């Protein structure tokens, strides 16, 4: 085996894919410049092209998740209990003083 695989940042992948999409250089030339296998550069180009429409999607905002509602309910219940406990302690210490 040749060792550990190199992990490339998303920025590097996007830059390489953009170069390939522009078409000023061949995928082979781009791959040689960055010491990559041409298949990897081609894959990044394909992934970039396929996912590009998502950038312009108007509905891409945060999607509502039902788990968030459950979590919010639990946190509100816990906050209510803590607030009730706090009020009880205030009354108890104020009555002693």
Protein backbone atom coordinates (compact mmCIF):
# COMPACT_ATOMS: atom_id res chain seq x y z
CA UNK A 1 0.00 0.00 0.00
CA UNK A 2 1.08 3.56 -0.64
CA UNK A 3 0.12 5.02 2.76
CA UNK A 4 -2.48 7.48 3.94
CA UNK A 5 -4.91 9.11 1.58
CA UNK A 6 -4.66 12.85 1.25
CA UNK A 7 -7.75 14.78 2.29
CA UNK A 8 -8.50 17.81 0.17
CA UNK A 9 -10.40 20.84 1.42
CA UNK A 10 -13.73 21.82 -0.10
CA UNK A 11 -12.17 25.07 -1.28
CA UNK A 12 -9.44 23.20 -3.15
CA UNK A 13 -11.98 20.86 -4.72
CA UNK A 14 -14.16 23.77 -5.83
CA UNK A 15 -11.18 25.63 -7.26
CA UNK A 16 -10.03 22.56 -9.20
CA UNK A 17 -13.56 21.82 -10.45
CA UNK A 18 -14.00 25.43 -11.54
CA UNK A 19 -10.75 25.28 -13.51
CA UNK A 20 -11.98 22.12 -15.22
CA UNK A 21 -15.37 23.64 -16.03
CA UNK A 22 -13.80 26.78 -17.54
CA UNK A 23 -12.12 24.57 -20.13
CA UNK A 24 -8.97 26.67 -20.58
CA UNK A 25 -6.91 23.59 -19.71
CA UNK A 26 -7.61 19.91 -20.09
CA UNK A 27 -8.42 17.78 -17.09
CA UNK A 28 -5.08 16.06 -17.54
CA UNK A 29 -3.21 19.37 -17.42
CA UNK A 30 -5.09 20.49 -14.30
CA UNK A 31 -4.47 17.12 -12.65
CA UNK A 32 -0.75 17.28 -13.37
CA UNK A 33 -0.50 20.82 -11.95
CA UNK A 34 -2.11 19.74 -8.68
CA UNK A 35 -0.61 16.21 -8.57
CA UNK A 36 -4.02 14.57 -8.82
CA UNK A 37 -5.36 11.63 -10.74
CA UNK A 38 -7.42 12.79 -13.75
CA UNK A 39 -10.36 10.63 -12.61
CA UNK A 40 -10.50 12.57 -9.34
CA UNK A 41 -10.51 15.91 -11.15
CA UNK A 42 -13.23 14.65 -13.47
CA UNK A 43 -15.29 13.44 -10.50
CA UNK A 44 -15.04 16.82 -8.78
CA UNK A 45 -16.06 18.55 -12.01
CA UNK A 46 -19.09 16.27 -12.33
CA UNK A 47 -20.10 16.75 -8.67
CA UNK A 48 -19.69 20.52 -8.95
CA UNK A 49 -21.80 20.65 -12.11
CA UNK A 50 -24.54 18.45 -10.65
CA UNK A 51 -24.77 20.44 -7.40
CA UNK A 52 -24.50 23.93 -8.92
CA UNK A 53 -28.31 24.41 -9.20
CA UNK A 54 -28.61 24.10 -5.42
CA UNK A 55 -26.73 27.38 -5.05
CA UNK A 56 -29.58 29.22 -6.76
CA UNK A 57 -32.39 27.31 -5.05
CA UNK A 58 -34.68 29.80 -3.30
CA UNK A 59 -35.97 27.21 -0.82
CA UNK A 60 -32.57 26.14 0.45
CA UNK A 61 -33.00 27.86 3.82
CA UNK A 62 -33.19 26.00 7.09
CA UNK A 63 -35.74 23.25 6.82
CA UNK A 64 -38.10 22.70 9.68
CA UNK A 65 -37.29 19.58 11.59
CA UNK A 66 -39.84 17.85 13.80
CA UNK A 67 -37.08 16.94 16.25
CA UNK A 68 -36.54 20.65 16.88
CA UNK A 69 -40.16 20.98 18.03
CA UNK A 70 -39.74 18.10 20.48
CA UNK A 71 -36.49 19.55 21.79
CA UNK A 72 -38.07 22.98 22.16
CA UNK A 73 -40.97 21.50 24.13
CA UNK A 74 -38.61 19.64 26.46
CA UNK A 75 -36.49 22.74 27.01
CA UNK A 76 -39.55 24.87 27.72
CA UNK A 77 -40.77 22.33 30.28
CA UNK A 78 -37.36 22.27 31.93
CA UNK A 79 -37.21 26.07 31.99
CA UNK A 80 -40.65 26.20 33.58
CA UNK A 81 -39.60 23.76 36.30
CA UNK A 82 -36.44 25.75 37.01
CA UNK A 83 -38.39 28.99 37.15
CA UNK A 84 -40.93 27.47 39.56
CA UNK A 85 -38.09 26.16 41.73
CA UNK A 86 -36.43 29.55 41.69
CA UNK A 87 -39.65 31.29 42.76
CA UNK A 88 -40.10 28.76 45.59
CA UNK A 89 -36.56 29.40 46.83
CA UNK A 90 -37.09 33.18 46.72
CA UNK A 91 -40.26 32.88 48.80
CA UNK A 92 -38.62 30.51 51.28
CA UNK A 93 -35.58 32.75 51.88
CA UNK A 94 -37.61 35.97 51.96
CA UNK A 95 -39.97 34.59 54.61
CA UNK A 96 -37.04 33.67 56.92
CA UNK A 97 -35.41 37.07 56.76
